[in-house]
Amino acid sequence: PRRSSLRLLATASSFDQLKKNYPAISERLKEIELELLSKDDFQHKTQREFSKQKMNFVRPPTDLLLLSGPLSFFTVDDLWKDLEKKNLRLLILDQVTDLGNAAAIARTASFFAVDYLILTGKNSFSLTPSFYRNASGAAESLKFCQVNSLPSFVSKLQKKEVNCVGFSEHAEYPDLLTSPVNVDKSQSVALLLGAEQTGLSHAICNSNYLNQKFLIKLMLFLLV
């Protein structure tokens, strides 16, 4: 719904198969500009589209290619306005850089109906085609917001009575397995996850910005 300028490149047989496999989207398809092509024309057209995006060409195995405008970031002001209307579930990534990890987090966040995924302005992953592909559609349901100063942002969350909970595997916090998270369902909640190697940044850990902090223990299971 947040995408614009939708255009679908397809062969006649692939489009028929799409409608057969997913009848529920028939009304949505009427809103999309359709370009039916022969198999050869589809090959040439998709090659040109990949080249425009400076991407290595891989022929879509289904002979379907949906072109759209980019997903834009939501602003912090958008978040504050939403926060005034309802309780929100926020997931904040503190300098997470690995695309694979970020995409997996996005998929999980989408499954659990997280409203906003907040990224730091520096030392964070980028929303590249690889991220969108690995996120497997999760980016379509999440609102992405980028903040310049995470400590300042989290401080404002606390002032707005958002329950801020930090998780780390590198700190001397209560063990998450033995100390359950105390979450008031009538209150908005923000979960903070740190970078892959260092965990939550010192500016967040060594402060009073977090209502609760928990240690996530890594477990190794050996199957024999």
C-alpha atoms as a PDB file:
ATOM      1  CA  PRO A   1       0.000   0.000   0.000  1.00  0.00           C
ATOM      2  CA  ARG A   2       2.926   2.406   0.603  1.00  0.00           C
ATOM      3  CA  ARG A   3       4.482   1.729  -2.777  1.00  0.00           C
ATOM      4  CA  SER A   4       3.783   3.967  -5.771  1.00  0.00           C
ATOM      5  CA  SER A   5       4.234   3.746  -9.536  1.00  0.00           C
ATOM      6  CA  LEU A   6       3.621   0.004  -9.635  1.00  0.00           C
ATOM      7  CA  ARG A   7       4.300  -1.682 -12.983  1.00  0.00           C
ATOM      8  CA  LEU A   8       4.268  -5.421 -13.620  1.00  0.00           C
ATOM      9  CA  LEU A   9       6.295  -7.020 -16.418  1.00  0.00           C
ATOM     10  CA  ALA A  10       5.038 -10.491 -17.281  1.00  0.00           C
ATOM     11  CA  THR A  11       4.495 -13.045 -19.993  1.00  0.00           C
ATOM     12  CA  ALA A  12       0.902 -14.041 -20.752  1.00  0.00           C
ATOM     13  CA  SER A  13       1.353 -17.510 -19.252  1.00  0.00           C
ATOM     14  CA  SER A  14       3.060 -16.232 -16.074  1.00  0.00           C
ATOM     15  CA  PHE A  15       0.313 -13.656 -15.518  1.00  0.00           C
ATOM     16  CA  ASP A  16      -2.398 -16.285 -15.924  1.00  0.00           C
ATOM     17  CA  GLN A  17      -0.572 -18.518 -13.448  1.00  0.00           C
ATOM     18  CA  LEU A  18      -0.308 -15.619 -10.987  1.00  0.00           C
ATOM     19  CA  LYS A  19      -4.067 -15.030 -11.070  1.00  0.00           C
ATOM     20  CA  LYS A  20      -4.733 -18.758 -10.715  1.00  0.00           C
ATOM     21  CA  ASN A  21      -2.396 -19.212  -7.740  1.00  0.00           C
ATOM     22  CA  TYR A  22      -3.410 -16.028  -5.910  1.00  0.00           C
ATOM     23  CA  PRO A  23      -7.062 -15.196  -6.689  1.00  0.00           C
ATOM     24  CA  ALA A  24      -7.271 -12.966  -3.602  1.00  0.00           C
ATOM     25  CA  ILE A  25      -5.076 -10.315  -5.246  1.00  0.00           C
ATOM     26  CA  SER A  26      -7.210  -9.969  -8.394  1.00  0.00           C
ATOM     27  CA  GLU A  27      -8.586  -6.569  -7.305  1.00  0.00           C
ATOM     28  CA  ARG A  28      -5.132  -5.326  -6.388  1.00  0.00           C
ATOM     29  CA  LEU A  29      -3.818  -6.303  -9.819  1.00  0.00           C
ATOM     30  CA  LYS A  30      -6.294  -3.888 -11.418  1.00  0.00           C
ATOM     31  CA  GLU A  31      -4.413  -1.021  -9.768  1.00  0.00           C
ATOM     32  CA  ILE A  32      -1.076  -2.063 -11.290  1.00  0.00           C
ATOM     33  CA  GLU A  33       0.105  -1.072 -14.746  1.00  0.00           C
ATOM     34  CA  LEU A  34       0.543  -4.321 -16.677  1.00  0.00           C
ATOM     35  CA  GLU A  35       2.950  -4.926 -19.548  1.00  0.00           C
ATOM     36  CA  LEU A  36       2.548  -8.346 -21.203  1.00  0.00           C
ATOM     37  CA  LEU A  37       5.588  -9.450 -23.179  1.00  0.00           C
ATOM     38  CA  SER A  38       6.806 -12.397 -25.186  1.00  0.00           C
ATOM     39  CA  LYS A  39       9.492 -14.503 -23.489  1.00  0.00           C
ATOM     40  CA  ASP A  40      12.257 -12.890 -25.566  1.00  0.00           C
ATOM     41  CA  ASP A  41      10.961  -9.364 -24.968  1.00  0.00           C
ATOM     42  CA  PHE A  42      10.614 -10.124 -21.259  1.00  0.00           C
ATOM     43  CA  GLN A  43      14.274 -11.184 -21.173  1.00  0.00           C
ATOM     44  CA  HIS A  44      15.460  -7.998 -22.913  1.00  0.00           C
ATOM     45  CA  LYS A  45      13.180  -5.697 -20.914  1.00  0.00           C
ATOM     46  CA  THR A  46      14.160  -7.115 -17.524  1.00  0.00           C
ATOM     47  CA  GLN A  47      17.847  -6.938 -18.459  1.00  0.00           C
ATOM     48  CA  ARG A  48      17.454  -3.221 -19.139  1.00  0.00           C
ATOM     49  CA  GLU A  49      15.627  -2.680 -15.839  1.00  0.00           C
ATOM     50  CA  PHE A  50      18.355  -4.467 -13.890  1.00  0.00           C
ATOM     51  CA  SER A  51      20.975  -2.384 -15.708  1.00  0.00           C
ATOM     52  CA  LYS A  52      19.175   0.861 -14.750  1.00  0.00           C
ATOM     53  CA  GLN A  53      19.442  -0.168 -11.092  1.00  0.00           C
ATOM     54  CA  LYS A  54      23.103  -1.190 -11.554  1.00  0.00           C
ATOM     55  CA  MET A  55      22.274  -4.732 -10.470  1.00  0.00           C
ATOM     56  CA  ASN A  56      23.611  -8.015 -11.814  1.00  0.00           C
ATOM     57  CA  PHE A  57      20.946  -9.563 -13.993  1.00  0.00           C
ATOM     58  CA  VAL A  58      19.212 -12.723 -12.842  1.00  0.00           C
ATOM     59  CA  ARG A  59      16.178 -13.698 -14.885  1.00  0.00           C
ATOM     60  CA  PRO A  60      13.100 -13.912 -12.628  1.00  0.00           C
ATOM     61  CA  PRO A  61      12.280 -17.646 -12.588  1.00  0.00           C
ATOM     62  CA  THR A  62       8.524 -16.954 -12.601  1.00  0.00           C
ATOM     63  CA  ASP A  63       8.724 -14.529 -15.551  1.00  0.00           C
ATOM     64  CA  LEU A  64       7.221 -11.838 -13.333  1.00  0.00           C
ATOM     65  CA  LEU A  65       8.946  -8.588 -12.380  1.00  0.00           C
ATOM     66  CA  LEU A  66       7.192  -5.910 -10.322  1.00  0.00           C
ATOM     67  CA  LEU A  67       8.683  -2.416 -10.584  1.00  0.00           C
ATOM     68  CA  SER A  68       7.814   0.229  -8.029  1.00  0.00           C
ATOM     69  CA  GLY A  69       8.874   3.453  -6.434  1.00  0.00           C
ATOM     70  CA  PRO A  70      11.086   3.260  -3.333  1.00  0.00           C
ATOM     71  CA  LEU A  71       9.861   2.836   0.220  1.00  0.00           C
ATOM     72  CA  SER A  72      10.525   6.038   2.087  1.00  0.00           C
ATOM     73  CA  PHE A  73      11.595   6.421   5.706  1.00  0.00           C
ATOM     74  CA  PHE A  74       9.073   7.701   8.214  1.00  0.00           C
ATOM     75  CA  THR A  75      10.162  10.684  10.262  1.00  0.00           C
ATOM     76  CA  VAL A  76      10.454  10.918  14.026  1.00  0.00           C
ATOM     77  CA  ASP A  77       7.539  13.370  13.896  1.00  0.00           C
ATOM     78  CA  ASP A  78       5.441  10.644  12.232  1.00  0.00           C
ATOM     79  CA  LEU A  79       6.301   8.326  15.110  1.00  0.00           C
ATOM     80  CA  TRP A  80       5.347  10.916  17.749  1.00  0.00           C
ATOM     81  CA  LYS A  81       1.990  11.466  16.037  1.00  0.00           C
ATOM     82  CA  ASP A  82       1.296   7.724  15.941  1.00  0.00           C
ATOM     83  CA  LEU A  83       2.310   7.469  19.592  1.00  0.00           C
ATOM     84  CA  GLU A  84      -0.382  10.003  20.513  1.00  0.00           C
ATOM     85  CA  LYS A  85      -3.032   7.853  18.822  1.00  0.00           C
ATOM     86  CA  LYS A  86      -2.200   4.393  20.170  1.00  0.00           C
ATOM     87  CA  ASN A  87       0.326   2.242  21.998  1.00  0.00           C
ATOM     88  CA  LEU A  88       3.194   1.245  19.756  1.00  0.00           C
ATOM     89  CA  ARG A  89       5.623  -1.648  19.543  1.00  0.00           C
ATOM     90  CA  LEU A  90       9.047  -0.282  18.661  1.00  0.00           C
ATOM     91  CA  LEU A  91      12.201  -2.209  17.811  1.00  0.00           C
ATOM     92  CA  ILE A  92      15.418  -0.185  17.943  1.00  0.00           C
ATOM     93  CA  LEU A  93      18.630  -1.501  16.368  1.00  0.00           C
ATOM     94  CA  ASP A  94      21.716   0.065  17.900  1.00  0.00           C
ATOM     95  CA  GLN A  95      24.389   0.034  15.174  1.00  0.00           C
ATOM     96  CA  VAL A  96      23.430  -3.329  13.650  1.00  0.00           C
ATOM     97  CA  THR A  97      25.421  -3.631  10.409  1.00  0.00           C
ATOM     98  CA  ASP A  98      24.988  -7.181   9.086  1.00  0.00           C
ATOM     99  CA  LEU A  99      22.363  -7.331   6.312  1.00  0.00           C
ATOM    100  CA  GLY A 100      21.510 -10.962   6.977  1.00  0.00           C
ATOM    101  CA  ASN A 101      20.915 -10.339  10.667  1.00  0.00           C
ATOM    102  CA  ALA A 102      18.925  -7.192   9.937  1.00  0.00           C
ATOM    103  CA  ALA A 103      16.687  -9.001   7.444  1.00  0.00           C
ATOM    104  CA  ALA A 104      16.059 -11.839   9.897  1.00  0.00           C
ATOM    105  CA  ILE A 105      15.186  -9.304  12.600  1.00  0.00           C
ATOM    106  CA  ALA A 106      12.809  -7.547  10.200  1.00  0.00           C
ATOM    107  CA  ARG A 107      11.034 -10.818   9.380  1.00  0.00           C
ATOM    108  CA  THR A 108      10.571 -11.607  13.076  1.00  0.00           C
ATOM    109  CA  ALA A 109       9.438  -8.044  13.810  1.00  0.00           C
ATOM    110  CA  SER A 110       6.847  -8.211  11.048  1.00  0.00           C
ATOM    111  CA  PHE A 111       5.517 -11.535  12.372  1.00  0.00           C
ATOM    112  CA  PHE A 112       5.052 -10.040  15.844  1.00  0.00           C
ATOM    113  CA  ALA A 113       3.338  -6.917  14.457  1.00  0.00           C
ATOM    114  CA  VAL A 114       6.045  -4.428  15.405  1.00  0.00           C
ATOM    115  CA  ASP A 115       4.998  -0.941  14.309  1.00  0.00           C
ATOM    116  CA  TYR A 116       8.364   0.789  13.813  1.00  0.00           C
ATOM    117  CA  LEU A 117      11.900  -0.433  13.153  1.00  0.00           C
ATOM    118  CA  ILE A 118      14.278   2.341  14.251  1.00  0.00           C
ATOM    119  CA  LEU A 119      17.815   2.579  12.848  1.00  0.00           C
ATOM    120  CA  THR A 120      20.743   4.757  13.831  1.00  0.00           C
ATOM    121  CA  GLY A 121      21.986   7.282  11.288  1.00  0.00           C
ATOM    122  CA  LYS A 122      25.583   6.013  11.449  1.00  0.00           C
ATOM    123  CA  ASN A 123      27.097   2.528  11.666  1.00  0.00           C
ATOM    124  CA  SER A 124      23.913   0.847  10.510  1.00  0.00           C
ATOM    125  CA  PHE A 125      22.937  -1.392   7.613  1.00  0.00           C
ATOM    126  CA  SER A 126      21.436   0.141   4.464  1.00  0.00           C
ATOM    127  CA  LEU A 127      18.102  -0.655   2.864  1.00  0.00           C
ATOM    128  CA  THR A 128      19.608  -2.225  -0.233  1.00  0.00           C
ATOM    129  CA  PRO A 129      17.984  -4.630  -2.720  1.00  0.00           C
ATOM    130  CA  SER A 130      19.743  -7.477  -0.889  1.00  0.00           C
ATOM    131  CA  PHE A 131      18.099  -6.449   2.366  1.00  0.00           C
ATOM    132  CA  TYR A 132      14.630  -6.299   0.805  1.00  0.00           C
ATOM    133  CA  ARG A 133      15.119  -9.675  -0.844  1.00  0.00           C
ATOM    134  CA  ASN A 134      16.317 -11.345   2.379  1.00  0.00           C
ATOM    135  CA  ALA A 135      13.552  -9.677   4.393  1.00  0.00           C
ATOM    136  CA  SER A 136      11.039 -11.633   2.254  1.00  0.00           C
ATOM    137  CA  GLY A 137       8.369  -8.933   2.263  1.00  0.00           C
ATOM    138  CA  ALA A 138       8.721  -7.877   5.893  1.00  0.00           C
ATOM    139  CA  ALA A 139       9.735  -4.362   4.838  1.00  0.00           C
ATOM    140  CA  GLU A 140       6.285  -3.838   3.351  1.00  0.00           C
ATOM    141  CA  SER A 141       4.567  -4.015   6.744  1.00  0.00           C
ATOM    142  CA  LEU A 142       7.171  -2.246   8.901  1.00  0.00           C
ATOM    143  CA  LYS A 143       7.649   1.486   9.251  1.00  0.00           C
ATOM    144  CA  PHE A 144      11.351   2.379   9.066  1.00  0.00           C
ATOM    145  CA  CYS A 145      12.587   5.422  10.946  1.00  0.00           C
ATOM    146  CA  GLN A 146      16.147   6.727  11.182  1.00  0.00           C
ATOM    147  CA  VAL A 147      17.412   8.799  14.122  1.00  0.00           C
ATOM    148  CA  ASN A 148      20.632  10.799  14.344  1.00  0.00           C
ATOM    149  CA  SER A 149      21.112  10.612  18.119  1.00  0.00           C
ATOM    150  CA  LEU A 150      19.895   7.386  19.680  1.00  0.00           C
ATOM    151  CA  PRO A 151      20.439   8.481  23.325  1.00  0.00           C
ATOM    152  CA  SER A 152      18.407  11.645  22.715  1.00  0.00           C
ATOM    153  CA  PHE A 153      15.663   9.665  20.981  1.00  0.00           C
ATOM    154  CA  VAL A 154      15.426   7.043  23.749  1.00  0.00           C
ATOM    155  CA  SER A 155      15.404   9.806  26.360  1.00  0.00           C
ATOM    156  CA  LYS A 156      12.386  11.355  24.645  1.00  0.00           C
ATOM    157  CA  LEU A 157      10.693   7.954  24.522  1.00  0.00           C
ATOM    158  CA  GLN A 158      11.039   7.683  28.274  1.00  0.00           C
ATOM    159  CA  LYS A 159       9.585  11.166  28.753  1.00  0.00           C
ATOM    160  CA  LYS A 160       6.594   9.981  26.730  1.00  0.00           C
ATOM    161  CA  GLU A 161       6.270   7.015  29.131  1.00  0.00           C
ATOM    162  CA  VAL A 162       7.434   4.373  26.647  1.00  0.00           C
ATOM    163  CA  ASN A 163       8.850   1.303  28.423  1.00  0.00           C
ATOM    164  CA  CYS A 164      12.409   0.978  27.053  1.00  0.00           C
ATOM    165  CA  VAL A 165      13.973  -2.492  27.425  1.00  0.00           C
ATOM    166  CA  GLY A 166      17.555  -3.275  26.384  1.00  0.00           C
ATOM    167  CA  PHE A 167      19.007  -6.678  25.484  1.00  0.00           C
ATOM    168  CA  SER A 168      22.684  -7.549  25.297  1.00  0.00           C
ATOM    169  CA  GLU A 169      24.959 -10.566  25.363  1.00  0.00           C
ATOM    170  CA  HIS A 170      27.956  -8.531  26.552  1.00  0.00           C
ATOM    171  CA  ALA A 171      26.838  -7.022  29.855  1.00  0.00           C
ATOM    172  CA  GLU A 172      26.310  -7.980  33.493  1.00  0.00           C
ATOM    173  CA  TYR A 173      22.534  -7.802  33.462  1.00  0.00           C
ATOM    174  CA  PRO A 174      19.928 -10.194  34.861  1.00  0.00           C
ATOM    175  CA  ASP A 175      19.605 -13.318  32.749  1.00  0.00           C
ATOM    176  CA  LEU A 176      16.609 -13.090  30.423  1.00  0.00           C
ATOM    177  CA  LEU A 177      15.915 -16.795  30.939  1.00  0.00           C
ATOM    178  CA  THR A 178      15.431 -16.393  34.698  1.00  0.00           C
ATOM    179  CA  SER A 179      14.202 -12.777  34.914  1.00  0.00           C
ATOM    180  CA  PRO A 180      11.144 -12.213  32.759  1.00  0.00           C
ATOM    181  CA  VAL A 181      10.566  -8.879  31.058  1.00  0.00           C
ATOM    182  CA  ASN A 182       8.036  -6.742  32.897  1.00  0.00           C
ATOM    183  CA  VAL A 183       5.817  -5.233  30.200  1.00  0.00           C
ATOM    184  CA  ASP A 184       2.650  -3.271  30.900  1.00  0.00           C
ATOM    185  CA  LYS A 185       0.252  -4.038  28.026  1.00  0.00           C
ATOM    186  CA  SER A 186      -1.367  -0.628  28.457  1.00  0.00           C
ATOM    187  CA  GLN A 187       1.972   1.040  27.725  1.00  0.00           C
ATOM    188  CA  SER A 188       4.016   1.431  24.561  1.00  0.00           C
ATOM    189  CA  VAL A 189       7.205  -0.607  24.559  1.00  0.00           C
ATOM    190  CA  ALA A 190      10.570  -0.199  22.823  1.00  0.00           C
ATOM    191  CA  LEU A 191      13.007  -3.110  22.615  1.00  0.00           C
ATOM    192  CA  LEU A 192      16.664  -2.261  21.945  1.00  0.00           C
ATOM    193  CA  LEU A 193      19.117  -4.691  20.339  1.00  0.00           C
ATOM    194  CA  GLY A 194      22.829  -3.968  20.014  1.00  0.00           C
ATOM    195  CA  ALA A 195      25.492  -4.557  17.393  1.00  0.00           C
ATOM    196  CA  GLU A 196      26.699  -8.049  16.518  1.00  0.00           C
ATOM    197  CA  GLN A 197      30.138  -7.785  18.138  1.00  0.00           C
ATOM    198  CA  THR A 198      29.752  -5.189  20.878  1.00  0.00           C
ATOM    199  CA  GLY A 199      26.108  -5.243  21.939  1.00  0.00           C
ATOM    200  CA  LEU A 200      24.384  -2.053  23.023  1.00  0.00           C
ATOM    201  CA  SER A 201      26.510   1.077  22.773  1.00  0.00           C
ATOM    202  CA  HIS A 202      28.030   2.537  25.946  1.00  0.00           C
ATOM    203  CA  ALA A 203      25.943   5.684  25.516  1.00  0.00           C
ATOM    204  CA  ILE A 204      22.818   3.549  25.972  1.00  0.00           C
ATOM    205  CA  CYS A 205      24.113   0.969  28.469  1.00  0.00           C
ATOM    206  CA  ASN A 206      25.767   3.400  30.848  1.00  0.00           C
ATOM    207  CA  SER A 207      22.749   5.629  31.267  1.00  0.00           C
ATOM    208  CA  ASN A 208      19.325   5.802  32.808  1.00  0.00           C
ATOM    209  CA  TYR A 209      17.612   5.699  29.432  1.00  0.00           C
ATOM    210  CA  LEU A 210      16.485   2.075  29.822  1.00  0.00           C
ATOM    211  CA  ASN A 211      13.757   0.933  32.179  1.00  0.00           C
ATOM    212  CA  GLN A 212      15.056  -2.647  32.105  1.00  0.00           C
ATOM    213  CA  LYS A 213      18.247  -4.372  30.889  1.00  0.00           C
ATOM    214  CA  PHE A 214      18.678  -8.091  30.257  1.00  0.00           C
ATOM    215  CA  LEU A 215      21.485 -10.443  29.368  1.00  0.00           C
ATOM    216  CA  ILE A 216      20.856 -12.832  26.475  1.00  0.00           C
ATOM    217  CA  LYS A 217      22.980 -15.939  26.980  1.00  0.00           C
ATOM    218  CA  LEU A 218      24.234 -17.697  23.889  1.00  0.00           C
ATOM    219  CA  MET A 219      23.570 -21.411  23.866  1.00  0.00           C
ATOM    220  CA  LEU A 220      25.348 -24.036  21.800  1.00  0.00           C
ATOM    221  CA  PHE A 221      23.454 -27.210  21.020  1.00  0.00           C
ATOM    222  CA  LEU A 222      25.490 -30.160  19.780  1.00  0.00           C
ATOM    223  CA  LEU A 223      23.535 -32.728  17.814  1.00  0.00           C
ATOM    224  CA  VAL A 224      25.100 -36.167  17.578  1.00  0.00           C
END
